[in-house]
């Protein structure tokens, strides 16, 4: 007998999966006792995301744009 296995999510699946996670958090469908483990996993995801060169460059560009609006040239 073959045991079905779950296929890993693809890059196209992640936005919907994260939206569903956010909705479950908002609806209270994730237990408080599970939030600590979820926090650790989300921190790891954000750290990996921020290590991407494109993300760092884009964030730097956005900071420069915001800084320029707050402090116009004299």
PDB file of N, CA and C in Angstrom:
ATOM      1  N   UNK A   1       0.843  -1.175   0.000  1.00  0.00           N
ATOM      2  CA  UNK A   1       0.000   0.000   0.000  1.00  0.00           C
ATOM      3  C   UNK A   1       0.890   1.240   0.000  1.00  0.00           C
ATOM      4  N   UNK A   2       0.599   2.164  -0.914  1.00  0.00           N
ATOM      5  CA  UNK A   2       1.353   3.401  -0.996  1.00  0.00           C
ATOM      6  C   UNK A   2       0.772   4.431  -0.035  1.00  0.00           C
ATOM      7  N   UNK A   3       1.669   5.099   0.668  1.00  0.00           N
ATOM      8  CA  UNK A   3       1.248   6.154   1.582  1.00  0.00           C
ATOM      9  C   UNK A   3       1.396   7.482   0.853  1.00  0.00           C
ATOM     10  N   UNK A   4       0.316   8.233   0.739  1.00  0.00           N
ATOM     11  CA  UNK A   4       0.438   9.512   0.036  1.00  0.00           C
ATOM     12  C   UNK A   4       1.318  10.482   0.821  1.00  0.00           C
ATOM     13  N   UNK A   5       2.136  11.196   0.104  1.00  0.00           N
ATOM     14  CA  UNK A   5       2.982  12.206   0.742  1.00  0.00           C
ATOM     15  C   UNK A   5       2.600  13.578   0.202  1.00  0.00           C
ATOM     16  N   UNK A   6       2.748  14.554   1.041  1.00  0.00           N
ATOM     17  CA  UNK A   6       2.424  15.911   0.647  1.00  0.00           C
ATOM     18  C   UNK A   6       3.584  16.506  -0.137  1.00  0.00           C
ATOM     19  N   UNK A   7       3.286  17.110  -1.269  1.00  0.00           N
ATOM     20  CA  UNK A   7       4.326  17.751  -2.061  1.00  0.00           C
ATOM     21  C   UNK A   7       4.678  19.101  -1.434  1.00  0.00           C
ATOM     22  N   UNK A   8       5.947  19.489  -1.534  1.00  0.00           N
ATOM     23  CA  UNK A   8       6.315  20.792  -0.984  1.00  0.00           C
ATOM     24  C   UNK A   8       5.627  21.920  -1.755  1.00  0.00           C
ATOM     25  N   UNK A   9       5.397  23.023  -1.069  1.00  0.00           N
ATOM     26  CA  UNK A   9       4.794  24.178  -1.727  1.00  0.00           C
ATOM     27  C   UNK A   9       5.771  24.734  -2.762  1.00  0.00           C
ATOM     28  N   UNK A  10       5.215  25.261  -3.840  1.00  0.00           N
ATOM     29  CA  UNK A  10       6.047  25.900  -4.855  1.00  0.00           C
ATOM     30  C   UNK A  10       6.034  27.403  -4.630  1.00  0.00           C
ATOM     31  N   UNK A  11       6.859  28.111  -5.366  1.00  0.00           N
ATOM     32  CA  UNK A  11       6.926  29.570  -5.218  1.00  0.00           C
ATOM     33  C   UNK A  11       5.584  30.225  -5.471  1.00  0.00           C
ATOM     34  N   UNK A  12       4.778  29.629  -6.312  1.00  0.00           N
ATOM     35  CA  UNK A  12       3.454  30.190  -6.607  1.00  0.00           C
ATOM     36  C   UNK A  12       2.447  29.926  -5.485  1.00  0.00           C
ATOM     37  N   UNK A  13       2.718  28.924  -4.663  1.00  0.00           N
ATOM     38  CA  UNK A  13       1.806  28.567  -3.571  1.00  0.00           C
ATOM     39  C   UNK A  13       1.975  29.460  -2.340  1.00  0.00           C
ATOM     40  N   UNK A  14       3.175  30.018  -2.154  1.00  0.00           N
ATOM     41  CA  UNK A  14       3.484  30.710  -0.903  1.00  0.00           C
ATOM     42  C   UNK A  14       2.623  31.929  -0.617  1.00  0.00           C
ATOM     43  N   UNK A  15       2.362  32.820  -1.568  1.00  0.00           N
ATOM     44  CA  UNK A  15       1.528  33.980  -1.213  1.00  0.00           C
ATOM     45  C   UNK A  15       0.168  33.576  -0.645  1.00  0.00           C
ATOM     46  N   UNK A  16      -0.497  32.621  -1.268  1.00  0.00           N
ATOM     47  CA  UNK A  16      -1.804  32.169  -0.771  1.00  0.00           C
ATOM     48  C   UNK A  16      -1.669  31.490   0.592  1.00  0.00           C
ATOM     49  N   UNK A  17      -0.633  30.677   0.754  1.00  0.00           N
ATOM     50  CA  UNK A  17      -0.433  29.986   2.035  1.00  0.00           C
ATOM     51  C   UNK A  17      -0.204  31.000   3.162  1.00  0.00           C
ATOM     52  N   UNK A  18       0.581  32.039   2.892  1.00  0.00           N
ATOM     53  CA  UNK A  18       0.838  33.047   3.924  1.00  0.00           C
ATOM     54  C   UNK A  18      -0.403  33.885   4.209  1.00  0.00           C
ATOM     55  N   UNK A  19      -1.202  34.153   3.183  1.00  0.00           N
ATOM     56  CA  UNK A  19      -2.465  34.862   3.407  1.00  0.00           C
ATOM     57  C   UNK A  19      -3.398  34.022   4.273  1.00  0.00           C
ATOM     58  N   UNK A  20      -3.440  32.726   4.011  1.00  0.00           N
ATOM     59  CA  UNK A  20      -4.276  31.836   4.817  1.00  0.00           C
ATOM     60  C   UNK A  20      -3.785  31.787   6.266  1.00  0.00           C
ATOM     61  N   UNK A  21      -2.466  31.767   6.446  1.00  0.00           N
ATOM     62  CA  UNK A  21      -1.903  31.789   7.796  1.00  0.00           C
ATOM     63  C   UNK A  21      -2.310  33.073   8.512  1.00  0.00           C
ATOM     64  N   UNK A  22      -2.193  34.207   7.837  1.00  0.00           N
ATOM     65  CA  UNK A  22      -2.588  35.484   8.436  1.00  0.00           C
ATOM     66  C   UNK A  22      -4.065  35.462   8.828  1.00  0.00           C
ATOM     67  N   UNK A  23      -4.896  34.907   7.975  1.00  0.00           N
ATOM     68  CA  UNK A  23      -6.327  34.851   8.275  1.00  0.00           C
ATOM     69  C   UNK A  23      -6.598  33.946   9.485  1.00  0.00           C
ATOM     70  N   UNK A  24      -5.901  32.828   9.548  1.00  0.00           N
ATOM     71  CA  UNK A  24      -6.083  31.928  10.693  1.00  0.00           C
ATOM     72  C   UNK A  24      -5.629  32.587  11.991  1.00  0.00           C
ATOM     73  N   UNK A  25      -4.546  33.365  11.923  1.00  0.00           N
ATOM     74  CA  UNK A  25      -4.105  34.101  13.112  1.00  0.00           C
ATOM     75  C   UNK A  25      -5.156  35.122  13.525  1.00  0.00           C
ATOM     76  N   UNK A  26      -5.684  35.873  12.550  1.00  0.00           N
ATOM     77  CA  UNK A  26      -6.716  36.876  12.840  1.00  0.00           C
ATOM     78  C   UNK A  26      -7.972  36.246  13.415  1.00  0.00           C
ATOM     79  N   UNK A  27      -8.321  35.075  12.917  1.00  0.00           N
ATOM     80  CA  UNK A  27      -9.541  34.394  13.361  1.00  0.00           C
ATOM     81  C   UNK A  27      -9.365  33.648  14.677  1.00  0.00           C
ATOM     82  N   UNK A  28      -8.138  33.585  15.185  1.00  0.00           N
ATOM     83  CA  UNK A  28      -7.887  32.864  16.427  1.00  0.00           C
ATOM     84  C   UNK A  28      -7.851  31.351  16.253  1.00  0.00           C
ATOM     85  N   UNK A  29      -7.616  30.887  15.023  1.00  0.00           N
ATOM     86  CA  UNK A  29      -7.593  29.442  14.777  1.00  0.00           C
ATOM     87  C   UNK A  29      -6.229  28.820  15.045  1.00  0.00           C
ATOM     88  N   UNK A  30      -5.265  29.630  15.457  1.00  0.00           N
ATOM     89  CA  UNK A  30      -3.953  29.114  15.855  1.00  0.00           C
ATOM     90  C   UNK A  30      -3.861  29.321  17.356  1.00  0.00           C
ATOM     91  N   UNK A  31      -3.578  28.259  18.068  1.00  0.00           N
ATOM     92  CA  UNK A  31      -3.528  28.323  19.526  1.00  0.00           C
ATOM     93  C   UNK A  31      -2.361  29.179  20.007  1.00  0.00           C
ATOM     94  N   UNK A  32      -2.588  29.877  21.129  1.00  0.00           N
ATOM     95  CA  UNK A  32      -1.528  30.686  21.724  1.00  0.00           C
ATOM     96  C   UNK A  32      -0.287  29.840  22.006  1.00  0.00           C
ATOM     97  N   UNK A  33      -0.487  28.607  22.406  1.00  0.00           N
ATOM     98  CA  UNK A  33       0.656  27.745  22.730  1.00  0.00           C
ATOM     99  C   UNK A  33       1.533  27.470  21.507  1.00  0.00           C
ATOM    100  N   UNK A  34       0.988  27.659  20.307  1.00  0.00           N
ATOM    101  CA  UNK A  34       1.743  27.419  19.082  1.00  0.00           C
ATOM    102  C   UNK A  34       2.426  28.672  18.542  1.00  0.00           C
ATOM    103  N   UNK A  35       2.148  29.829  19.138  1.00  0.00           N
ATOM    104  CA  UNK A  35       2.681  31.085  18.615  1.00  0.00           C
ATOM    105  C   UNK A  35       4.196  31.196  18.759  1.00  0.00           C
ATOM    106  N   UNK A  36       4.746  30.643  19.823  1.00  0.00           N
ATOM    107  CA  UNK A  36       6.193  30.718  20.014  1.00  0.00           C
ATOM    108  C   UNK A  36       6.931  29.990  18.894  1.00  0.00           C
ATOM    109  N   UNK A  37       6.516  28.788  18.590  1.00  0.00           N
ATOM    110  CA  UNK A  37       7.138  28.034  17.505  1.00  0.00           C
ATOM    111  C   UNK A  37       6.934  28.709  16.153  1.00  0.00           C
ATOM    112  N   UNK A  38       5.760  29.274  15.962  1.00  0.00           N
ATOM    113  CA  UNK A  38       5.472  29.987  14.721  1.00  0.00           C
ATOM    114  C   UNK A  38       6.363  31.221  14.606  1.00  0.00           C
ATOM    115  N   UNK A  39       6.573  31.904  15.722  1.00  0.00           N
ATOM    116  CA  UNK A  39       7.427  33.080  15.727  1.00  0.00           C
ATOM    117  C   UNK A  39       8.858  32.740  15.312  1.00  0.00           C
ATOM    118  N   UNK A  40       9.369  31.651  15.823  1.00  0.00           N
ATOM    119  CA  UNK A  40      10.726  31.216  15.473  1.00  0.00           C
ATOM    120  C   UNK A  40      10.804  30.925  13.972  1.00  0.00           C
ATOM    121  N   UNK A  41       9.807  30.236  13.449  1.00  0.00           N
ATOM    122  CA  UNK A  41       9.795  29.895  12.020  1.00  0.00           C
ATOM    123  C   UNK A  41       9.678  31.153  11.155  1.00  0.00           C
ATOM    124  N   UNK A  42       8.818  32.089  11.561  1.00  0.00           N
ATOM    125  CA  UNK A  42       8.660  33.327  10.790  1.00  0.00           C
ATOM    126  C   UNK A  42       9.921  34.179  10.832  1.00  0.00           C
ATOM    127  N   UNK A  43      10.598  34.200  11.978  1.00  0.00           N
ATOM    128  CA  UNK A  43      11.874  34.924  12.066  1.00  0.00           C
ATOM    129  C   UNK A  43      12.886  34.344  11.088  1.00  0.00           C
ATOM    130  N   UNK A  44      12.952  33.023  10.998  1.00  0.00           N
ATOM    131  CA  UNK A  44      13.881  32.376  10.071  1.00  0.00           C
ATOM    132  C   UNK A  44      13.540  32.731   8.619  1.00  0.00           C
ATOM    133  N   UNK A  45      12.249  32.787   8.314  1.00  0.00           N
ATOM    134  CA  UNK A  45      11.822  33.158   6.961  1.00  0.00           C
ATOM    135  C   UNK A  45      12.237  34.592   6.652  1.00  0.00           C
ATOM    136  N   UNK A  46      11.980  35.520   7.588  1.00  0.00           N
ATOM    137  CA  UNK A  46      12.336  36.922   7.352  1.00  0.00           C
ATOM    138  C   UNK A  46      13.846  37.117   7.244  1.00  0.00           C
ATOM    139  N   UNK A  47      14.610  36.387   8.037  1.00  0.00           N
ATOM    140  CA  UNK A  47      16.070  36.476   7.937  1.00  0.00           C
ATOM    141  C   UNK A  47      16.538  36.015   6.563  1.00  0.00           C
ATOM    142  N   UNK A  48      15.996  34.911   6.083  1.00  0.00           N
ATOM    143  CA  UNK A  48      16.368  34.409   4.760  1.00  0.00           C
ATOM    144  C   UNK A  48      15.940  35.391   3.668  1.00  0.00           C
ATOM    145  N   UNK A  49      14.741  35.943   3.808  1.00  0.00           N
ATOM    146  CA  UNK A  49      14.231  36.908   2.841  1.00  0.00           C
ATOM    147  C   UNK A  49      15.143  38.138   2.778  1.00  0.00           C
ATOM    148  N   UNK A  50      15.541  38.634   3.931  1.00  0.00           N
ATOM    149  CA  UNK A  50      16.381  39.828   3.975  1.00  0.00           C
ATOM    150  C   UNK A  50      17.809  39.586   3.522  1.00  0.00           C
ATOM    151  N   UNK A  51      18.229  38.330   3.446  1.00  0.00           N
ATOM    152  CA  UNK A  51      19.567  38.017   2.925  1.00  0.00           C
ATOM    153  C   UNK A  51      19.614  38.087   1.403  1.00  0.00           C
ATOM    154  N   UNK A  52      18.471  38.130   0.762  1.00  0.00           N
ATOM    155  CA  UNK A  52      18.445  38.203  -0.703  1.00  0.00           C
ATOM    156  C   UNK A  52      18.977  39.559  -1.148  1.00  0.00           C
ATOM    157  N   UNK A  53      19.951  39.612  -2.062  1.00  0.00           N
ATOM    158  CA  UNK A  53      20.528  40.898  -2.477  1.00  0.00           C
ATOM    159  C   UNK A  53      19.482  41.871  -3.018  1.00  0.00           C
ATOM    160  N   UNK A  54      18.550  41.406  -3.804  1.00  0.00           N
ATOM    161  CA  UNK A  54      17.544  42.291  -4.386  1.00  0.00           C
ATOM    162  C   UNK A  54      16.727  42.975  -3.296  1.00  0.00           C
ATOM    163  N   UNK A  55      16.393  42.239  -2.256  1.00  0.00           N
ATOM    164  CA  UNK A  55      15.594  42.790  -1.160  1.00  0.00           C
ATOM    165  C   UNK A  55      16.385  43.883  -0.450  1.00  0.00           C
ATOM    166  N   UNK A  56      17.669  43.622  -0.201  1.00  0.00           N
ATOM    167  CA  UNK A  56      18.499  44.620   0.477  1.00  0.00           C
ATOM    168  C   UNK A  56      18.637  45.877  -0.368  1.00  0.00           C
ATOM    169  N   UNK A  57      18.856  45.724  -1.672  1.00  0.00           N
ATOM    170  CA  UNK A  57      19.003  46.885  -2.546  1.00  0.00           C
ATOM    171  C   UNK A  57      17.708  47.686  -2.614  1.00  0.00           C
ATOM    172  N   UNK A  58      16.587  46.993  -2.745  1.00  0.00           N
ATOM    173  CA  UNK A  58      15.301  47.678  -2.823  1.00  0.00           C
ATOM    174  C   UNK A  58      14.995  48.425  -1.530  1.00  0.00           C
ATOM    175  N   UNK A  59      15.300  47.802  -0.395  1.00  0.00           N
ATOM    176  CA  UNK A  59      15.067  48.453   0.896  1.00  0.00           C
ATOM    177  C   UNK A  59      15.938  49.697   1.023  1.00  0.00           C
ATOM    178  N   UNK A  60      17.181  49.616   0.566  1.00  0.00           N
ATOM    179  CA  UNK A  60      18.070  50.783   0.624  1.00  0.00           C
ATOM    180  C   UNK A  60      17.526  51.902  -0.249  1.00  0.00           C
ATOM    181  N   UNK A  61      17.039  51.574  -1.438  1.00  0.00           N
ATOM    182  CA  UNK A  61      16.444  52.582  -2.319  1.00  0.00           C
ATOM    183  C   UNK A  61      15.232  53.230  -1.656  1.00  0.00           C
ATOM    184  N   UNK A  62      14.398  52.433  -1.009  1.00  0.00           N
ATOM    185  CA  UNK A  62      13.213  52.971  -0.348  1.00  0.00           C
ATOM    186  C   UNK A  62      13.596  53.878   0.814  1.00  0.00           C
ATOM    187  N   UNK A  63      14.630  53.481   1.571  1.00  0.00           N
ATOM    188  CA  UNK A  63      15.082  54.336   2.682  1.00  0.00           C
ATOM    189  C   UNK A  63      15.598  55.669   2.150  1.00  0.00           C
ATOM    190  N   UNK A  64      16.339  55.633   1.042  1.00  0.00           N
ATOM    191  CA  UNK A  64      16.839  56.880   0.456  1.00  0.00           C
ATOM    192  C   UNK A  64      15.682  57.758  -0.004  1.00  0.00           C
ATOM    193  N   UNK A  65      14.669  57.161  -0.606  1.00  0.00           N
ATOM    194  CA  UNK A  65      13.517  57.934  -1.071  1.00  0.00           C
ATOM    195  C   UNK A  65      12.784  58.570   0.100  1.00  0.00           C
ATOM    196  N   UNK A  66      12.598  57.827   1.177  1.00  0.00           N
ATOM    197  CA  UNK A  66      11.917  58.360   2.363  1.00  0.00           C
ATOM    198  C   UNK A  66      12.764  59.448   3.004  1.00  0.00           C
ATOM    199  N   UNK A  67      14.053  59.195   3.135  1.00  0.00           N
ATOM    200  CA  UNK A  67      14.952  60.173   3.754  1.00  0.00           C
ATOM    201  C   UNK A  67      14.935  61.473   2.951  1.00  0.00           C
ATOM    202  N   UNK A  68      14.927  61.365   1.621  1.00  0.00           N
ATOM    203  CA  UNK A  68      14.918  62.552   0.765  1.00  0.00           C
ATOM    204  C   UNK A  68      13.666  63.383   0.948  1.00  0.00           C
ATOM    205  N   UNK A  69      12.522  62.740   1.136  1.00  0.00           N
ATOM    206  CA  UNK A  69      11.270  63.473   1.349  1.00  0.00           C
ATOM    207  C   UNK A  69      11.269  64.177   2.705  1.00  0.00           C
ATOM    208  N   UNK A  70      11.878  63.556   3.693  1.00  0.00           N
ATOM    209  CA  UNK A  70      11.885  64.138   5.042  1.00  0.00           C
ATOM    210  C   UNK A  70      12.895  65.266   5.170  1.00  0.00           C
ATOM    211  N   UNK A  71      13.982  65.181   4.402  1.00  0.00           N
ATOM    212  CA  UNK A  71      15.055  66.151   4.502  1.00  0.00           C
ATOM    213  C   UNK A  71      15.382  66.696   3.112  1.00  0.00           C
ATOM    214  N   UNK A  72      14.565  67.614   2.605  1.00  0.00           N
ATOM    215  CA  UNK A  72      14.823  68.149   1.264  1.00  0.00           C
ATOM    216  C   UNK A  72      16.162  68.874   1.198  1.00  0.00           C
ATOM    217  N   UNK A  73      16.743  68.907   0.016  1.00  0.00           N
ATOM    218  CA  UNK A  73      18.028  69.592  -0.179  1.00  0.00           C
ATOM    219  C   UNK A  73      17.876  71.067   0.147  1.00  0.00           C
ATOM    220  N   UNK A  74      18.942  71.609   0.685  1.00  0.00           N
ATOM    221  CA  UNK A  74      18.896  73.036   1.057  1.00  0.00           C
ATOM    222  C   UNK A  74      19.378  73.890  -0.065  1.00  0.00           C
TER     223      UNK A  74
END
